[in-house]
């Protein structure tokens, strides 16, 4: 199964792509949870610098996001979902429909 995952931005000061947010799931054995991962895109924060906090969502507009796609080994979906929820940086995730994969 493939999943599209949106994380809070994890890029460093160099603005390059940070390490795979859940790379710890990938191992060198054939019995891994994540078979492959691919960085898709980065969405820049809406406000880079602003001291104006007039609405409740203002603090979230300073956050960027990263979109990744993961291919999960058969039967390991729950482990993958648990790792996402425990990552501390997940915004949302969803399975990628078969039509999108082809």
PDB file of N, CA and C in Angstrom:
ATOM      1  N   UNK A   1       0.846  -1.168   0.000  1.00  0.00           N
ATOM      2  CA  UNK A   1       0.000   0.000   0.000  1.00  0.00           C
ATOM      3  C   UNK A   1       0.892   1.232   0.000  1.00  0.00           C
ATOM      4  N   UNK A   2       0.462   2.263  -0.700  1.00  0.00           N
ATOM      5  CA  UNK A   2       1.189   3.536  -0.722  1.00  0.00           C
ATOM      6  C   UNK A   2       0.393   4.582   0.046  1.00  0.00           C
ATOM      7  N   UNK A   3       1.149   5.465   0.717  1.00  0.00           N
ATOM      8  CA  UNK A   3       0.541   6.541   1.489  1.00  0.00           C
ATOM      9  C   UNK A   3       1.181   7.867   1.125  1.00  0.00           C
ATOM     10  N   UNK A   4       0.377   8.918   1.128  1.00  0.00           N
ATOM     11  CA  UNK A   4       0.884  10.286   1.015  1.00  0.00           C
ATOM     12  C   UNK A   4       0.790  10.881   2.421  1.00  0.00           C
ATOM     13  N   UNK A   5       1.898  11.458   2.870  1.00  0.00           N
ATOM     14  CA  UNK A   5       1.998  11.940   4.241  1.00  0.00           C
ATOM     15  C   UNK A   5       2.433  13.402   4.234  1.00  0.00           C
ATOM     16  N   UNK A   6       1.772  14.207   5.064  1.00  0.00           N
ATOM     17  CA  UNK A   6       2.142  15.614   5.199  1.00  0.00           C
ATOM     18  C   UNK A   6       2.691  15.825   6.604  1.00  0.00           C
ATOM     19  N   UNK A   7       3.938  16.291   6.654  1.00  0.00           N
ATOM     20  CA  UNK A   7       4.630  16.567   7.906  1.00  0.00           C
ATOM     21  C   UNK A   7       4.802  18.068   8.070  1.00  0.00           C
ATOM     22  N   UNK A   8       4.949  18.514   9.317  1.00  0.00           N
ATOM     23  CA  UNK A   8       5.429  19.875   9.547  1.00  0.00           C
ATOM     24  C   UNK A   8       6.807  19.960   8.918  1.00  0.00           C
ATOM     25  N   UNK A   9       7.144  21.117   8.400  1.00  0.00           N
ATOM     26  CA  UNK A   9       8.434  21.307   7.745  1.00  0.00           C
ATOM     27  C   UNK A   9       9.576  20.939   8.684  1.00  0.00           C
ATOM     28  N   UNK A  10      10.544  20.204   8.133  1.00  0.00           N
ATOM     29  CA  UNK A  10      11.676  19.750   8.915  1.00  0.00           C
ATOM     30  C   UNK A  10      13.000  20.244   8.349  1.00  0.00           C
ATOM     31  N   UNK A  11      12.960  21.145   7.378  1.00  0.00           N
ATOM     32  CA  UNK A  11      14.194  21.635   6.757  1.00  0.00           C
ATOM     33  C   UNK A  11      15.003  22.447   7.750  1.00  0.00           C
ATOM     34  N   UNK A  12      16.303  22.384   7.593  1.00  0.00           N
ATOM     35  CA  UNK A  12      17.184  23.150   8.456  1.00  0.00           C
ATOM     36  C   UNK A  12      17.433  24.534   7.907  1.00  0.00           C
ATOM     37  N   UNK A  13      18.422  25.198   8.476  1.00  0.00           N
ATOM     38  CA  UNK A  13      18.737  26.567   8.085  1.00  0.00           C
ATOM     39  C   UNK A  13      19.151  26.654   6.620  1.00  0.00           C
ATOM     40  N   UNK A  14      19.708  25.596   6.081  1.00  0.00           N
ATOM     41  CA  UNK A  14      20.146  25.606   4.687  1.00  0.00           C
ATOM     42  C   UNK A  14      18.974  25.477   3.725  1.00  0.00           C
ATOM     43  N   UNK A  15      17.777  25.231   4.264  1.00  0.00           N
ATOM     44  CA  UNK A  15      16.544  25.080   3.486  1.00  0.00           C
ATOM     45  C   UNK A  15      16.560  23.871   2.571  1.00  0.00           C
ATOM     46  N   UNK A  16      17.493  22.966   2.758  1.00  0.00           N
ATOM     47  CA  UNK A  16      17.510  21.745   1.971  1.00  0.00           C
ATOM     48  C   UNK A  16      16.529  20.741   2.543  1.00  0.00           C
ATOM     49  N   UNK A  17      16.316  19.658   1.830  1.00  0.00           N
ATOM     50  CA  UNK A  17      15.419  18.619   2.306  1.00  0.00           C
ATOM     51  C   UNK A  17      16.041  17.961   3.529  1.00  0.00           C
ATOM     52  N   UNK A  18      15.292  17.905   4.590  1.00  0.00           N
ATOM     53  CA  UNK A  18      15.769  17.254   5.806  1.00  0.00           C
ATOM     54  C   UNK A  18      15.711  15.747   5.616  1.00  0.00           C
ATOM     55  N   UNK A  19      16.268  15.040   6.565  1.00  0.00           N
ATOM     56  CA  UNK A  19      16.235  13.588   6.463  1.00  0.00           C
ATOM     57  C   UNK A  19      14.803  13.090   6.436  1.00  0.00           C
ATOM     58  N   UNK A  20      14.608  11.922   5.908  1.00  0.00           N
ATOM     59  CA  UNK A  20      13.313  11.273   5.860  1.00  0.00           C
ATOM     60  C   UNK A  20      12.728  11.231   7.274  1.00  0.00           C
ATOM     61  N   UNK A  21      11.549  11.824   7.499  1.00  0.00           N
ATOM     62  CA  UNK A  21      11.007  11.910   8.851  1.00  0.00           C
ATOM     63  C   UNK A  21      10.787  10.578   9.558  1.00  0.00           C
ATOM     64  N   UNK A  22      10.569   9.513   8.837  1.00  0.00           N
ATOM     65  CA  UNK A  22      10.410   8.222   9.503  1.00  0.00           C
ATOM     66  C   UNK A  22      11.372   7.183   8.930  1.00  0.00           C
ATOM     67  N   UNK A  23      12.571   7.615   8.632  1.00  0.00           N
ATOM     68  CA  UNK A  23      13.584   6.719   8.068  1.00  0.00           C
ATOM     69  C   UNK A  23      13.911   5.561   9.008  1.00  0.00           C
ATOM     70  N   UNK A  24      13.676   5.755  10.311  1.00  0.00           N
ATOM     71  CA  UNK A  24      13.988   4.692  11.264  1.00  0.00           C
ATOM     72  C   UNK A  24      13.184   3.423  11.000  1.00  0.00           C
ATOM     73  N   UNK A  25      12.100   3.525  10.208  1.00  0.00           N
ATOM     74  CA  UNK A  25      11.321   2.333   9.871  1.00  0.00           C
ATOM     75  C   UNK A  25      11.967   1.503   8.771  1.00  0.00           C
ATOM     76  N   UNK A  26      12.872   2.120   8.021  1.00  0.00           N
ATOM     77  CA  UNK A  26      13.513   1.412   6.927  1.00  0.00           C
ATOM     78  C   UNK A  26      14.745   0.697   7.453  1.00  0.00           C
ATOM     79  N   UNK A  27      14.831  -0.554   7.141  1.00  0.00           N
ATOM     80  CA  UNK A  27      15.972  -1.333   7.569  1.00  0.00           C
ATOM     81  C   UNK A  27      16.669  -1.972   6.393  1.00  0.00           C
ATOM     82  N   UNK A  28      17.680  -2.734   6.672  1.00  0.00           N
ATOM     83  CA  UNK A  28      18.409  -3.381   5.590  1.00  0.00           C
ATOM     84  C   UNK A  28      17.914  -4.794   5.340  1.00  0.00           C
ATOM     85  N   UNK A  29      16.953  -5.250   6.122  1.00  0.00           N
ATOM     86  CA  UNK A  29      16.434  -6.606   5.916  1.00  0.00           C
ATOM     87  C   UNK A  29      15.252  -6.577   4.967  1.00  0.00           C
ATOM     88  N   UNK A  30      14.850  -7.727   4.504  1.00  0.00           N
ATOM     89  CA  UNK A  30      13.715  -7.796   3.584  1.00  0.00           C
ATOM     90  C   UNK A  30      12.390  -7.625   4.317  1.00  0.00           C
ATOM     91  N   UNK A  31      12.403  -7.658   5.633  1.00  0.00           N
ATOM     92  CA  UNK A  31      11.192  -7.572   6.431  1.00  0.00           C
ATOM     93  C   UNK A  31      10.996  -6.152   6.983  1.00  0.00           C
ATOM     94  N   UNK A  32      11.101  -5.149   6.129  1.00  0.00           N
ATOM     95  CA  UNK A  32      10.978  -3.766   6.566  1.00  0.00           C
ATOM     96  C   UNK A  32       9.533  -3.305   6.494  1.00  0.00           C
ATOM     97  N   UNK A  33       9.237  -2.253   7.225  1.00  0.00           N
ATOM     98  CA  UNK A  33       7.902  -1.662   7.191  1.00  0.00           C
ATOM     99  C   UNK A  33       7.765  -0.798   5.946  1.00  0.00           C
ATOM    100  N   UNK A  34       8.734   0.089   5.732  1.00  0.00           N
ATOM    101  CA  UNK A  34       8.702   0.987   4.581  1.00  0.00           C
ATOM    102  C   UNK A  34       9.611   0.426   3.498  1.00  0.00           C
ATOM    103  N   UNK A  35       9.021   0.165   2.342  1.00  0.00           N
ATOM    104  CA  UNK A  35       9.816  -0.373   1.229  1.00  0.00           C
ATOM    105  C   UNK A  35      10.521   0.730   0.467  1.00  0.00           C
ATOM    106  N   UNK A  36       9.861   1.888   0.332  1.00  0.00           N
ATOM    107  CA  UNK A  36      10.492   3.019  -0.347  1.00  0.00           C
ATOM    108  C   UNK A  36       9.836   4.307   0.129  1.00  0.00           C
ATOM    109  N   UNK A  37      10.579   5.389  -0.001  1.00  0.00           N
ATOM    110  CA  UNK A  37      10.040   6.702   0.348  1.00  0.00           C
ATOM    111  C   UNK A  37      10.512   7.695  -0.693  1.00  0.00           C
ATOM    112  N   UNK A  38       9.684   8.719  -0.897  1.00  0.00           N
ATOM    113  CA  UNK A  38      10.013   9.722  -1.905  1.00  0.00           C
ATOM    114  C   UNK A  38       9.532  11.077  -1.422  1.00  0.00           C
ATOM    115  N   UNK A  39      10.456  12.041  -1.392  1.00  0.00           N
ATOM    116  CA  UNK A  39      10.094  13.417  -1.093  1.00  0.00           C
ATOM    117  C   UNK A  39       9.334  13.970  -2.289  1.00  0.00           C
ATOM    118  N   UNK A  40       8.175  14.594  -2.059  1.00  0.00           N
ATOM    119  CA  UNK A  40       7.349  15.099  -3.154  1.00  0.00           C
ATOM    120  C   UNK A  40       7.464  16.606  -3.297  1.00  0.00           C
ATOM    121  N   UNK A  41       7.162  17.350  -2.228  1.00  0.00           N
ATOM    122  CA  UNK A  41       7.241  18.800  -2.324  1.00  0.00           C
ATOM    123  C   UNK A  41       7.255  19.444  -0.953  1.00  0.00           C
ATOM    124  N   UNK A  42       7.664  20.688  -0.951  1.00  0.00           N
ATOM    125  CA  UNK A  42       7.674  21.495   0.268  1.00  0.00           C
ATOM    126  C   UNK A  42       6.786  22.707   0.022  1.00  0.00           C
ATOM    127  N   UNK A  43       5.922  22.996   0.975  1.00  0.00           N
ATOM    128  CA  UNK A  43       5.102  24.202   0.948  1.00  0.00           C
ATOM    129  C   UNK A  43       5.700  25.191   1.937  1.00  0.00           C
ATOM    130  N   UNK A  44       6.074  26.349   1.443  1.00  0.00           N
ATOM    131  CA  UNK A  44       6.670  27.375   2.291  1.00  0.00           C
ATOM    132  C   UNK A  44       5.623  27.935   3.246  1.00  0.00           C
ATOM    133  N   UNK A  45       6.061  28.441   4.388  1.00  0.00           N
ATOM    134  CA  UNK A  45       5.120  29.060   5.323  1.00  0.00           C
ATOM    135  C   UNK A  45       4.426  30.252   4.681  1.00  0.00           C
ATOM    136  N   UNK A  46       3.175  30.484   5.069  1.00  0.00           N
ATOM    137  CA  UNK A  46       2.420  31.615   4.539  1.00  0.00           C
ATOM    138  C   UNK A  46       3.051  32.936   4.959  1.00  0.00           C
ATOM    139  N   UNK A  47       3.465  33.019   6.210  1.00  0.00           N
ATOM    140  CA  UNK A  47       4.132  34.217   6.718  1.00  0.00           C
ATOM    141  C   UNK A  47       5.531  33.830   7.155  1.00  0.00           C
ATOM    142  N   UNK A  48       6.545  34.375   6.535  1.00  0.00           N
ATOM    143  CA  UNK A  48       7.917  34.062   6.935  1.00  0.00           C
ATOM    144  C   UNK A  48       8.284  34.808   8.209  1.00  0.00           C
ATOM    145  N   UNK A  49       7.978  36.098   8.267  1.00  0.00           N
ATOM    146  CA  UNK A  49       8.274  36.898   9.454  1.00  0.00           C
ATOM    147  C   UNK A  49       7.128  37.857   9.675  1.00  0.00           C
ATOM    148  N   UNK A  50       6.549  37.773  10.842  1.00  0.00           N
ATOM    149  CA  UNK A  50       5.470  38.685  11.177  1.00  0.00           C
ATOM    150  C   UNK A  50       5.265  38.659  12.676  1.00  0.00           C
ATOM    151  N   UNK A  51       5.035  39.802  13.235  1.00  0.00           N
ATOM    152  CA  UNK A  51       4.746  39.869  14.660  1.00  0.00           C
ATOM    153  C   UNK A  51       3.258  40.103  14.887  1.00  0.00           C
ATOM    154  N   UNK A  52       2.487  40.132  13.818  1.00  0.00           N
ATOM    155  CA  UNK A  52       1.052  40.370  13.907  1.00  0.00           C
ATOM    156  C   UNK A  52       0.321  39.050  14.143  1.00  0.00           C
ATOM    157  N   UNK A  53      -0.234  38.897  15.314  1.00  0.00           N
ATOM    158  CA  UNK A  53      -0.971  37.676  15.662  1.00  0.00           C
ATOM    159  C   UNK A  53      -2.428  38.023  15.906  1.00  0.00           C
ATOM    160  N   UNK A  54      -3.123  38.438  14.876  1.00  0.00           N
ATOM    161  CA  UNK A  54      -4.490  38.910  15.044  1.00  0.00           C
ATOM    162  C   UNK A  54      -5.523  37.798  15.063  1.00  0.00           C
ATOM    163  N   UNK A  55      -5.192  36.624  14.570  1.00  0.00           N
ATOM    164  CA  UNK A  55      -6.182  35.557  14.614  1.00  0.00           C
ATOM    165  C   UNK A  55      -5.580  34.293  15.212  1.00  0.00           C
ATOM    166  N   UNK A  56      -6.448  33.343  15.519  1.00  0.00           N
ATOM    167  CA  UNK A  56      -6.024  32.112  16.189  1.00  0.00           C
ATOM    168  C   UNK A  56      -5.096  31.259  15.348  1.00  0.00           C
ATOM    169  N   UNK A  57      -5.164  31.392  14.027  1.00  0.00           N
ATOM    170  CA  UNK A  57      -4.347  30.563  13.141  1.00  0.00           C
ATOM    171  C   UNK A  57      -3.002  31.186  12.799  1.00  0.00           C
ATOM    172  N   UNK A  58      -2.708  32.354  13.305  1.00  0.00           N
ATOM    173  CA  UNK A  58      -1.494  33.081  12.922  1.00  0.00           C
ATOM    174  C   UNK A  58      -0.238  32.262  13.164  1.00  0.00           C
ATOM    175  N   UNK A  59      -0.152  31.565  14.291  1.00  0.00           N
ATOM    176  CA  UNK A  59       1.066  30.806  14.569  1.00  0.00           C
ATOM    177  C   UNK A  59       1.276  29.666  13.580  1.00  0.00           C
ATOM    178  N   UNK A  60       0.206  29.108  13.044  1.00  0.00           N
ATOM    179  CA  UNK A  60       0.336  28.007  12.099  1.00  0.00           C
ATOM    180  C   UNK A  60       0.756  28.478  10.718  1.00  0.00           C
ATOM    181  N   UNK A  61       0.543  29.729  10.423  1.00  0.00           N
ATOM    182  CA  UNK A  61       0.937  30.271   9.127  1.00  0.00           C
ATOM    183  C   UNK A  61       2.441  30.441   9.014  1.00  0.00           C
ATOM    184  N   UNK A  62       3.144  30.275  10.116  1.00  0.00           N
ATOM    185  CA  UNK A  62       4.603  30.351  10.106  1.00  0.00           C
ATOM    186  C   UNK A  62       5.220  28.982   9.851  1.00  0.00           C
ATOM    187  N   UNK A  63       4.388  27.949   9.783  1.00  0.00           N
ATOM    188  CA  UNK A  63       4.881  26.589   9.569  1.00  0.00           C
ATOM    189  C   UNK A  63       4.771  26.208   8.101  1.00  0.00           C
ATOM    190  N   UNK A  64       5.811  25.600   7.588  1.00  0.00           N
ATOM    191  CA  UNK A  64       5.737  25.029   6.255  1.00  0.00           C
ATOM    192  C   UNK A  64       5.393  23.554   6.390  1.00  0.00           C
ATOM    193  N   UNK A  65       5.203  22.897   5.275  1.00  0.00           N
ATOM    194  CA  UNK A  65       4.931  21.462   5.297  1.00  0.00           C
ATOM    195  C   UNK A  65       5.799  20.758   4.266  1.00  0.00           C
ATOM    196  N   UNK A  66       5.998  19.475   4.476  1.00  0.00           N
ATOM    197  CA  UNK A  66       6.662  18.600   3.510  1.00  0.00           C
ATOM    198  C   UNK A  66       5.722  17.451   3.197  1.00  0.00           C
ATOM    199  N   UNK A  67       5.647  17.108   1.927  1.00  0.00           N
ATOM    200  CA  UNK A  67       4.823  15.990   1.484  1.00  0.00           C
ATOM    201  C   UNK A  67       5.757  14.867   1.049  1.00  0.00           C
ATOM    202  N   UNK A  68       5.509  13.681   1.579  1.00  0.00           N
ATOM    203  CA  UNK A  68       6.276  12.485   1.247  1.00  0.00           C
ATOM    204  C   UNK A  68       5.316  11.399   0.800  1.00  0.00           C
ATOM    205  N   UNK A  69       5.817  10.470  -0.012  1.00  0.00           N
ATOM    206  CA  UNK A  69       5.068   9.265  -0.374  1.00  0.00           C
ATOM    207  C   UNK A  69       5.850   8.062   0.108  1.00  0.00           C
ATOM    208  N   UNK A  70       5.134   7.119   0.702  1.00  0.00           N
ATOM    209  CA  UNK A  70       5.746   5.906   1.250  1.00  0.00           C
ATOM    210  C   UNK A  70       5.054   4.681   0.696  1.00  0.00           C
ATOM    211  N   UNK A  71       5.858   3.684   0.341  1.00  0.00           N
ATOM    212  CA  UNK A  71       5.324   2.367  -0.009  1.00  0.00           C
ATOM    213  C   UNK A  71       5.565   1.475   1.193  1.00  0.00           C
ATOM    214  N   UNK A  72       4.479   0.909   1.714  1.00  0.00           N
ATOM    215  CA  UNK A  72       4.528   0.119   2.939  1.00  0.00           C
ATOM    216  C   UNK A  72       4.424  -1.366   2.583  1.00  0.00           C
ATOM    217  N   UNK A  73       5.229  -2.174   3.247  1.00  0.00           N
ATOM    218  CA  UNK A  73       5.225  -3.620   3.015  1.00  0.00           C
ATOM    219  C   UNK A  73       3.861  -4.203   3.367  1.00  0.00           C
ATOM    220  N   UNK A  74       3.482  -5.240   2.646  1.00  0.00           N
ATOM    221  CA  UNK A  74       2.207  -5.917   2.892  1.00  0.00           C
ATOM    222  C   UNK A  74       2.096  -6.352   4.345  1.00  0.00           C
ATOM    223  N   UNK A  75       0.930  -6.053   4.936  1.00  0.00           N
ATOM    224  CA  UNK A  75       0.671  -6.472   6.305  1.00  0.00           C
ATOM    225  C   UNK A  75       1.314  -5.607   7.370  1.00  0.00           C
ATOM    226  N   UNK A  76       2.002  -4.533   6.991  1.00  0.00           N
ATOM    227  CA  UNK A  76       2.706  -3.687   7.964  1.00  0.00           C
ATOM    228  C   UNK A  76       2.075  -2.296   8.096  1.00  0.00           C
ATOM    229  N   UNK A  77       0.868  -2.142   7.562  1.00  0.00           N
ATOM    230  CA  UNK A  77       0.212  -0.837   7.561  1.00  0.00           C
ATOM    231  C   UNK A  77       0.019  -0.265   8.970  1.00  0.00           C
ATOM    232  N   UNK A  78      -0.399  -1.081   9.915  1.00  0.00           N
ATOM    233  CA  UNK A  78      -0.652  -0.570  11.255  1.00  0.00           C
ATOM    234  C   UNK A  78       0.633  -0.074  11.917  1.00  0.00           C
ATOM    235  N   UNK A  79       1.737  -0.793  11.717  1.00  0.00           N
ATOM    236  CA  UNK A  79       3.023  -0.336  12.256  1.00  0.00           C
ATOM    237  C   UNK A  79       3.404   1.020  11.673  1.00  0.00           C
ATOM    238  N   UNK A  80       3.165   1.175  10.375  1.00  0.00           N
ATOM    239  CA  UNK A  80       3.458   2.425   9.695  1.00  0.00           C
ATOM    240  C   UNK A  80       2.607   3.557  10.271  1.00  0.00           C
ATOM    241  N   UNK A  81       1.313   3.328  10.397  1.00  0.00           N
ATOM    242  CA  UNK A  81       0.412   4.344  10.936  1.00  0.00           C
ATOM    243  C   UNK A  81       0.792   4.717  12.367  1.00  0.00           C
ATOM    244  N   UNK A  82       1.126   3.723  13.167  1.00  0.00           N
ATOM    245  CA  UNK A  82       1.544   3.996  14.550  1.00  0.00           C
ATOM    246  C   UNK A  82       2.802   4.862  14.581  1.00  0.00           C
ATOM    247  N   UNK A  83       3.747   4.560  13.705  1.00  0.00           N
ATOM    248  CA  UNK A  83       4.984   5.347  13.650  1.00  0.00           C
ATOM    249  C   UNK A  83       4.695   6.784  13.236  1.00  0.00           C
ATOM    250  N   UNK A  84       3.779   6.966  12.289  1.00  0.00           N
ATOM    251  CA  UNK A  84       3.409   8.319  11.875  1.00  0.00           C
ATOM    252  C   UNK A  84       2.822   9.093  13.049  1.00  0.00           C
ATOM    253  N   UNK A  85       1.898   8.468  13.745  1.00  0.00           N
ATOM    254  CA  UNK A  85       1.236   9.137  14.862  1.00  0.00           C
ATOM    255  C   UNK A  85       2.200   9.435  16.004  1.00  0.00           C
ATOM    256  N   UNK A  86       3.241   8.614  16.150  1.00  0.00           N
ATOM    257  CA  UNK A  86       4.233   8.821  17.197  1.00  0.00           C
ATOM    258  C   UNK A  86       5.385   9.726  16.765  1.00  0.00           C
ATOM    259  N   UNK A  87       5.409  10.151  15.502  1.00  0.00           N
ATOM    260  CA  UNK A  87       6.527  10.948  14.985  1.00  0.00           C
ATOM    261  C   UNK A  87       6.574  12.352  15.578  1.00  0.00           C
ATOM    262  N   UNK A  88       5.452  12.863  16.024  1.00  0.00           N
ATOM    263  CA  UNK A  88       5.413  14.209  16.577  1.00  0.00           C
ATOM    264  C   UNK A  88       5.400  15.309  15.544  1.00  0.00           C
ATOM    265  N   UNK A  89       5.384  14.958  14.264  1.00  0.00           N
ATOM    266  CA  UNK A  89       5.403  16.001  13.246  1.00  0.00           C
ATOM    267  C   UNK A  89       4.391  15.763  12.131  1.00  0.00           C
ATOM    268  N   UNK A  90       3.474  14.844  12.345  1.00  0.00           N
ATOM    269  CA  UNK A  90       2.487  14.515  11.323  1.00  0.00           C
ATOM    270  C   UNK A  90       1.346  15.530  11.310  1.00  0.00           C
ATOM    271  N   UNK A  91       0.927  15.931  10.132  1.00  0.00           N
ATOM    272  CA  UNK A  91      -0.259  16.765   9.986  1.00  0.00           C
ATOM    273  C   UNK A  91      -1.407  15.885   9.507  1.00  0.00           C
ATOM    274  N   UNK A  92      -1.177  15.122   8.446  1.00  0.00           N
ATOM    275  CA  UNK A  92      -2.187  14.172   7.978  1.00  0.00           C
ATOM    276  C   UNK A  92      -1.544  13.145   7.073  1.00  0.00           C
ATOM    277  N   UNK A  93      -2.250  12.032   6.886  1.00  0.00           N
ATOM    278  CA  UNK A  93      -1.811  11.011   5.944  1.00  0.00           C
ATOM    279  C   UNK A  93      -3.025  10.322   5.362  1.00  0.00           C
ATOM    280  N   UNK A  94      -2.848   9.761   4.160  1.00  0.00           N
ATOM    281  CA  UNK A  94      -3.944   9.076   3.483  1.00  0.00           C
ATOM    282  C   UNK A  94      -3.363   8.071   2.500  1.00  0.00           C
ATOM    283  N   UNK A  95      -4.072   6.951   2.304  1.00  0.00           N
ATOM    284  CA  UNK A  95      -3.637   6.007   1.276  1.00  0.00           C
ATOM    285  C   UNK A  95      -3.757   6.655  -0.100  1.00  0.00           C
ATOM    286  N   UNK A  96      -2.854   6.303  -0.977  1.00  0.00           N
ATOM    287  CA  UNK A  96      -2.912   6.784  -2.354  1.00  0.00           C
ATOM    288  C   UNK A  96      -3.735   5.779  -3.147  1.00  0.00           C
ATOM    289  N   UNK A  97      -4.764   6.264  -3.811  1.00  0.00           N
ATOM    290  CA  UNK A  97      -5.641   5.402  -4.591  1.00  0.00           C
ATOM    291  C   UNK A  97      -4.859   4.715  -5.709  1.00  0.00           C
ATOM    292  N   UNK A  98      -5.295   3.536  -6.090  1.00  0.00           N
ATOM    293  CA  UNK A  98      -4.637   2.763  -7.140  1.00  0.00           C
ATOM    294  C   UNK A  98      -4.524   3.583  -8.427  1.00  0.00           C
ATOM    295  N   UNK A  99      -5.545   4.340  -8.773  1.00  0.00           N
ATOM    296  CA  UNK A  99      -5.533   5.148 -10.005  1.00  0.00           C
ATOM    297  C   UNK A  99      -4.416   6.190  -9.962  1.00  0.00           C
ATOM    298  N   UNK A 100      -4.150   6.762  -8.787  1.00  0.00           N
ATOM    299  CA  UNK A 100      -3.061   7.746  -8.648  1.00  0.00           C
ATOM    300  C   UNK A 100      -1.716   7.103  -8.815  1.00  0.00           C
ATOM    301  N   UNK A 101      -1.587   5.829  -8.427  1.00  0.00           N
ATOM    302  CA  UNK A 101      -0.296   5.142  -8.489  1.00  0.00           C
ATOM    303  C   UNK A 101       0.094   4.760  -9.894  1.00  0.00           C
ATOM    304  N   UNK A 102      -0.878   4.544 -10.754  1.00  0.00           N
ATOM    305  CA  UNK A 102      -0.588   4.080 -12.122  1.00  0.00           C
ATOM    306  C   UNK A 102      -0.241   5.206 -13.061  1.00  0.00           C
TER     307      UNK A 102
END
